[in-house]
Amino acid sequence: MSKSLVALSLFATLCASEAQAQRSNAPPSWPKDRGEYIATSSGNIPTFPRTLSGYRSENEKDFWDKPFHSRGTVRSFQGNDWQGLPKFPNTMNGCSSGVFMIRWRSSNPNVLIQCSVRYSKDTPGTMKAGSFGYMSGTNCEQPMFKFGGTRNGDKATLVDVYYELKFWQAAP
């Protein structure tokens, strides 16, 4: 085999390895099932999809086309109950009218956050805990957070949860 063919073969192998590495480092796509998901880092939280079949989205607008800040912070204290986002626009009826998606992370990687999608702090729901995560639910639910404990000897008793939110409204 000539030197140029060997070099070309080696180059093709390296390019294929690089492409595979880039694909494996890409964040996962947003899951089809609603609920709570935990990520190992901010880089492993999926980006919001550009489209969602049957829905439309407009920046800084909620399910009902009213202004709502899509980024913010919620503070959670050790021993406190579930806490939702202030003035979150969830309802009790028409649960197919909208969908929310939220990406979040703990301000302190040694503090675990419990996250849940539920109607209110008083209703039952599933829960997952981690330092990075994402959730989605209907307009009858809301994202909720709770101090979940510490690791690595951290003595923290409060934590900020940074979040980014996207609302989807039902559309034809």
C-alpha atoms as a PDB file:
ATOM      1  CA  MET A   1       0.000   0.000   0.000  1.00  0.00           C
ATOM      2  CA  SER A   2       1.398   3.414  -0.890  1.00  0.00           C
ATOM      3  CA  LYS A   3       2.261   6.006   1.729  1.00  0.00           C
ATOM      4  CA  SER A   4      -0.466   8.330   0.449  1.00  0.00           C
ATOM      5  CA  LEU A   5      -3.152   5.623   0.813  1.00  0.00           C
ATOM      6  CA  VAL A   6      -1.964   4.848   4.353  1.00  0.00           C
ATOM      7  CA  ALA A   7      -2.025   8.557   5.220  1.00  0.00           C
ATOM      8  CA  LEU A   8      -5.494   8.938   3.683  1.00  0.00           C
ATOM      9  CA  SER A   9      -6.776   5.910   5.591  1.00  0.00           C
ATOM     10  CA  LEU A  10      -5.312   7.228   8.862  1.00  0.00           C
ATOM     11  CA  PHE A  11      -6.860  10.673   8.213  1.00  0.00           C
ATOM     12  CA  ALA A  12     -10.298   9.117   7.534  1.00  0.00           C
ATOM     13  CA  THR A  13     -10.076   7.077  10.754  1.00  0.00           C
ATOM     14  CA  LEU A  14      -9.153  10.162  12.795  1.00  0.00           C
ATOM     15  CA  CYS A  15     -12.022  12.188  11.264  1.00  0.00           C
ATOM     16  CA  ALA A  16     -14.498   9.392  12.028  1.00  0.00           C
ATOM     17  CA  SER A  17     -13.231   9.219  15.644  1.00  0.00           C
ATOM     18  CA  GLU A  18     -13.548  12.997  16.026  1.00  0.00           C
ATOM     19  CA  ALA A  19     -17.116  12.967  14.625  1.00  0.00           C
ATOM     20  CA  GLN A  20     -18.072  10.135  17.008  1.00  0.00           C
ATOM     21  CA  ALA A  21     -16.596  12.043  19.978  1.00  0.00           C
ATOM     22  CA  GLN A  22     -18.526  15.180  19.034  1.00  0.00           C
ATOM     23  CA  ARG A  23     -21.790  13.193  18.755  1.00  0.00           C
ATOM     24  CA  SER A  24     -21.268  11.565  22.165  1.00  0.00           C
ATOM     25  CA  ASN A  25     -20.602  14.966  23.794  1.00  0.00           C
ATOM     26  CA  ALA A  26     -23.827  16.472  22.451  1.00  0.00           C
ATOM     27  CA  PRO A  27     -26.600  16.883  25.023  1.00  0.00           C
ATOM     28  CA  PRO A  28     -29.499  14.448  24.742  1.00  0.00           C
ATOM     29  CA  SER A  29     -32.650  15.510  22.943  1.00  0.00           C
ATOM     30  CA  TRP A  30     -35.708  16.501  24.969  1.00  0.00           C
ATOM     31  CA  PRO A  31     -37.613  13.343  26.081  1.00  0.00           C
ATOM     32  CA  LYS A  32     -41.106  12.640  24.734  1.00  0.00           C
ATOM     33  CA  ASP A  33     -42.430  11.613  28.182  1.00  0.00           C
ATOM     34  CA  ARG A  34     -43.264  14.369  30.645  1.00  0.00           C
ATOM     35  CA  GLY A  35     -41.808  14.275  34.146  1.00  0.00           C
ATOM     36  CA  GLU A  36     -38.553  14.775  36.024  1.00  0.00           C
ATOM     37  CA  TYR A  37     -35.076  14.032  34.702  1.00  0.00           C
ATOM     38  CA  ILE A  38     -31.642  14.360  36.319  1.00  0.00           C
ATOM     39  CA  ALA A  39     -28.448  15.238  34.402  1.00  0.00           C
ATOM     40  CA  THR A  40     -24.807  14.832  35.407  1.00  0.00           C
ATOM     41  CA  SER A  41     -23.881  18.390  34.348  1.00  0.00           C
ATOM     42  CA  SER A  42     -25.320  21.503  32.693  1.00  0.00           C
ATOM     43  CA  GLY A  43     -23.873  20.253  29.411  1.00  0.00           C
ATOM     44  CA  ASN A  44     -26.019  17.112  29.652  1.00  0.00           C
ATOM     45  CA  ILE A  45     -29.303  19.018  29.984  1.00  0.00           C
ATOM     46  CA  PRO A  46     -31.061  19.002  26.610  1.00  0.00           C
ATOM     47  CA  THR A  47     -31.703  22.285  24.849  1.00  0.00           C
ATOM     48  CA  PHE A  48     -35.338  23.200  24.319  1.00  0.00           C
ATOM     49  CA  PRO A  49     -36.725  21.917  21.039  1.00  0.00           C
ATOM     50  CA  ARG A  50     -37.424  24.516  18.354  1.00  0.00           C
ATOM     51  CA  THR A  51     -40.824  22.959  17.633  1.00  0.00           C
ATOM     52  CA  LEU A  52     -43.336  20.769  19.458  1.00  0.00           C
ATOM     53  CA  SER A  53     -46.027  19.119  17.357  1.00  0.00           C
ATOM     54  CA  GLY A  54     -49.477  20.591  18.120  1.00  0.00           C
ATOM     55  CA  TYR A  55     -48.062  23.566  20.048  1.00  0.00           C
ATOM     56  CA  ARG A  56     -46.512  26.972  19.466  1.00  0.00           C
ATOM     57  CA  SER A  57     -44.204  28.983  21.684  1.00  0.00           C
ATOM     58  CA  GLU A  58     -43.432  32.659  22.027  1.00  0.00           C
ATOM     59  CA  ASN A  59     -40.507  33.958  24.103  1.00  0.00           C
ATOM     60  CA  GLU A  60     -41.383  35.467  27.475  1.00  0.00           C
ATOM     61  CA  LYS A  61     -45.098  34.424  27.162  1.00  0.00           C
ATOM     62  CA  ASP A  62     -46.938  31.821  29.250  1.00  0.00           C
ATOM     63  CA  PHE A  63     -49.633  29.291  28.286  1.00  0.00           C
ATOM     64  CA  TRP A  64     -52.215  32.079  28.104  1.00  0.00           C
ATOM     65  CA  ASP A  65     -50.152  34.535  26.015  1.00  0.00           C
ATOM     66  CA  LYS A  66     -49.353  36.688  29.069  1.00  0.00           C
ATOM     67  CA  PRO A  67     -45.860  37.978  29.905  1.00  0.00           C
ATOM     68  CA  PHE A  68     -43.777  35.625  32.078  1.00  0.00           C
ATOM     69  CA  HIS A  69     -40.015  35.762  32.718  1.00  0.00           C
ATOM     70  CA  SER A  70     -38.394  32.678  31.282  1.00  0.00           C
ATOM     71  CA  ARG A  71     -35.295  32.819  33.517  1.00  0.00           C
ATOM     72  CA  GLY A  72     -34.935  33.182  37.240  1.00  0.00           C
ATOM     73  CA  THR A  73     -33.892  31.836  40.616  1.00  0.00           C
ATOM     74  CA  VAL A  74     -35.769  30.073  43.400  1.00  0.00           C
ATOM     75  CA  ARG A  75     -34.253  29.740  46.881  1.00  0.00           C
ATOM     76  CA  SER A  76     -34.883  26.540  48.811  1.00  0.00           C
ATOM     77  CA  PHE A  77     -34.210  26.098  52.537  1.00  0.00           C
ATOM     78  CA  GLN A  78     -33.414  22.898  54.400  1.00  0.00           C
ATOM     79  CA  GLY A  79     -36.551  21.577  56.121  1.00  0.00           C
ATOM     80  CA  ASN A  80     -39.021  23.610  54.025  1.00  0.00           C
ATOM     81  CA  ASP A  81     -41.808  22.111  51.935  1.00  0.00           C
ATOM     82  CA  TRP A  82     -42.074  22.013  48.129  1.00  0.00           C
ATOM     83  CA  GLN A  83     -41.728  25.381  46.454  1.00  0.00           C
ATOM     84  CA  GLY A  84     -42.951  26.372  43.007  1.00  0.00           C
ATOM     85  CA  LEU A  85     -42.042  29.329  40.841  1.00  0.00           C
ATOM     86  CA  PRO A  86     -43.725  32.578  41.946  1.00  0.00           C
ATOM     87  CA  LYS A  87     -47.031  33.210  40.142  1.00  0.00           C
ATOM     88  CA  PHE A  88     -46.677  30.138  37.930  1.00  0.00           C
ATOM     89  CA  PRO A  89     -49.772  30.117  35.652  1.00  0.00           C
ATOM     90  CA  ASN A  90     -51.017  26.538  36.164  1.00  0.00           C
ATOM     91  CA  THR A  91     -54.761  25.808  36.160  1.00  0.00           C
ATOM     92  CA  MET A  92     -57.176  23.054  37.169  1.00  0.00           C
ATOM     93  CA  ASN A  93     -58.896  22.578  33.794  1.00  0.00           C
ATOM     94  CA  GLY A  94     -58.086  22.215  30.117  1.00  0.00           C
ATOM     95  CA  CYS A  95     -54.904  20.270  30.835  1.00  0.00           C
ATOM     96  CA  SER A  96     -54.137  19.850  27.136  1.00  0.00           C
ATOM     97  CA  SER A  97     -53.989  23.632  26.579  1.00  0.00           C
ATOM     98  CA  GLY A  98     -50.277  23.915  27.252  1.00  0.00           C
ATOM     99  CA  VAL A  99     -46.961  22.333  28.119  1.00  0.00           C
ATOM    100  CA  PHE A 100     -44.010  23.732  30.051  1.00  0.00           C
ATOM    101  CA  MET A 101     -40.369  22.699  29.890  1.00  0.00           C
ATOM    102  CA  ILE A 102     -37.795  23.770  32.454  1.00  0.00           C
ATOM    103  CA  ARG A 103     -34.016  23.363  32.676  1.00  0.00           C
ATOM    104  CA  TRP A 104     -32.415  23.923  36.103  1.00  0.00           C
ATOM    105  CA  ARG A 105     -29.279  23.571  38.201  1.00  0.00           C
ATOM    106  CA  SER A 106     -28.220  23.919  41.827  1.00  0.00           C
ATOM    107  CA  SER A 107     -26.054  26.927  42.695  1.00  0.00           C
ATOM    108  CA  ASN A 108     -23.983  24.551  44.849  1.00  0.00           C
ATOM    109  CA  PRO A 109     -23.077  21.185  43.270  1.00  0.00           C
ATOM    110  CA  ASN A 110     -22.788  19.688  46.786  1.00  0.00           C
ATOM    111  CA  VAL A 111     -26.479  20.416  47.491  1.00  0.00           C
ATOM    112  CA  LEU A 112     -29.036  18.086  45.972  1.00  0.00           C
ATOM    113  CA  ILE A 113     -32.347  19.487  44.778  1.00  0.00           C
ATOM    114  CA  GLN A 114     -35.494  17.410  44.786  1.00  0.00           C
ATOM    115  CA  CYS A 115     -37.622  18.220  41.755  1.00  0.00           C
ATOM    116  CA  SER A 116     -41.209  17.306  41.006  1.00  0.00           C
ATOM    117  CA  VAL A 117     -43.964  18.048  38.497  1.00  0.00           C
ATOM    118  CA  ARG A 118     -47.303  18.374  40.343  1.00  0.00           C
ATOM    119  CA  TYR A 119     -50.372  20.577  40.736  1.00  0.00           C
ATOM    120  CA  SER A 120     -49.324  21.977  44.136  1.00  0.00           C
ATOM    121  CA  LYS A 121     -47.132  21.239  47.134  1.00  0.00           C
ATOM    122  CA  ASP A 122     -50.080  19.400  48.708  1.00  0.00           C
ATOM    123  CA  THR A 123     -50.700  16.955  45.861  1.00  0.00           C
ATOM    124  CA  PRO A 124     -48.778  13.719  45.397  1.00  0.00           C
ATOM    125  CA  GLY A 125     -46.236  13.385  42.631  1.00  0.00           C
ATOM    126  CA  THR A 126     -43.067  11.642  41.574  1.00  0.00           C
ATOM    127  CA  MET A 127     -39.707  13.108  42.557  1.00  0.00           C
ATOM    128  CA  LYS A 128     -36.064  12.897  41.541  1.00  0.00           C
ATOM    129  CA  ALA A 129     -32.984  14.434  43.190  1.00  0.00           C
ATOM    130  CA  GLY A 130     -29.778  15.832  41.738  1.00  0.00           C
ATOM    131  CA  SER A 131     -27.737  18.989  41.148  1.00  0.00           C
ATOM    132  CA  PHE A 132     -28.759  19.408  37.480  1.00  0.00           C
ATOM    133  CA  GLY A 133     -32.049  18.551  35.840  1.00  0.00           C
ATOM    134  CA  TYR A 134     -34.985  19.240  33.588  1.00  0.00           C
ATOM    135  CA  MET A 135     -38.731  18.673  33.717  1.00  0.00           C
ATOM    136  CA  SER A 136     -41.867  19.069  31.658  1.00  0.00           C
ATOM    137  CA  GLY A 137     -45.572  18.976  32.406  1.00  0.00           C
ATOM    138  CA  THR A 138     -48.993  20.225  31.363  1.00  0.00           C
ATOM    139  CA  ASN A 139     -50.617  23.565  32.132  1.00  0.00           C
ATOM    140  CA  CYS A 140     -52.359  21.850  35.092  1.00  0.00           C
ATOM    141  CA  GLU A 141     -48.996  21.162  36.715  1.00  0.00           C
ATOM    142  CA  GLN A 142     -46.008  23.194  37.814  1.00  0.00           C
ATOM    143  CA  PRO A 143     -42.311  22.579  38.455  1.00  0.00           C
ATOM    144  CA  MET A 144     -41.531  22.315  42.168  1.00  0.00           C
ATOM    145  CA  PHE A 145     -38.283  22.213  44.105  1.00  0.00           C
ATOM    146  CA  LYS A 146     -37.165  21.191  47.584  1.00  0.00           C
ATOM    147  CA  PHE A 147     -33.830  21.142  49.443  1.00  0.00           C
ATOM    148  CA  GLY A 148     -32.697  17.533  49.079  1.00  0.00           C
ATOM    149  CA  GLY A 149     -29.639  17.303  51.326  1.00  0.00           C
ATOM    150  CA  THR A 150     -25.893  17.751  51.006  1.00  0.00           C
ATOM    151  CA  ARG A 151     -22.899  15.638  50.076  1.00  0.00           C
ATOM    152  CA  ASN A 152     -19.124  15.791  50.576  1.00  0.00           C
ATOM    153  CA  GLY A 153     -19.546  17.195  54.103  1.00  0.00           C
ATOM    154  CA  ASP A 154     -21.146  20.451  52.910  1.00  0.00           C
ATOM    155  CA  LYS A 155     -22.988  22.229  55.754  1.00  0.00           C
ATOM    156  CA  ALA A 156     -25.281  24.346  53.528  1.00  0.00           C
ATOM    157  CA  THR A 157     -28.840  24.922  54.729  1.00  0.00           C
ATOM    158  CA  LEU A 158     -30.107  26.766  51.651  1.00  0.00           C
ATOM    159  CA  VAL A 159     -29.555  26.686  47.930  1.00  0.00           C
ATOM    160  CA  ASP A 160     -30.520  28.725  44.894  1.00  0.00           C
ATOM    161  CA  VAL A 161     -31.982  26.942  41.888  1.00  0.00           C
ATOM    162  CA  TYR A 162     -31.250  28.676  38.594  1.00  0.00           C
ATOM    163  CA  TYR A 163     -33.803  27.912  35.905  1.00  0.00           C
ATOM    164  CA  GLU A 164     -34.774  28.544  32.308  1.00  0.00           C
ATOM    165  CA  LEU A 165     -38.380  27.953  31.244  1.00  0.00           C
ATOM    166  CA  LYS A 166     -40.285  27.516  27.980  1.00  0.00           C
ATOM    167  CA  PHE A 167     -44.070  27.541  27.596  1.00  0.00           C
ATOM    168  CA  TRP A 168     -45.962  25.928  24.734  1.00  0.00           C
ATOM    169  CA  GLN A 169     -49.572  26.835  23.806  1.00  0.00           C
ATOM    170  CA  ALA A 170     -51.901  24.426  22.023  1.00  0.00           C
ATOM    171  CA  ALA A 171     -52.180  25.298  18.334  1.00  0.00           C
ATOM    172  CA  PRO A 172     -53.972  23.853  15.304  1.00  0.00           C
END
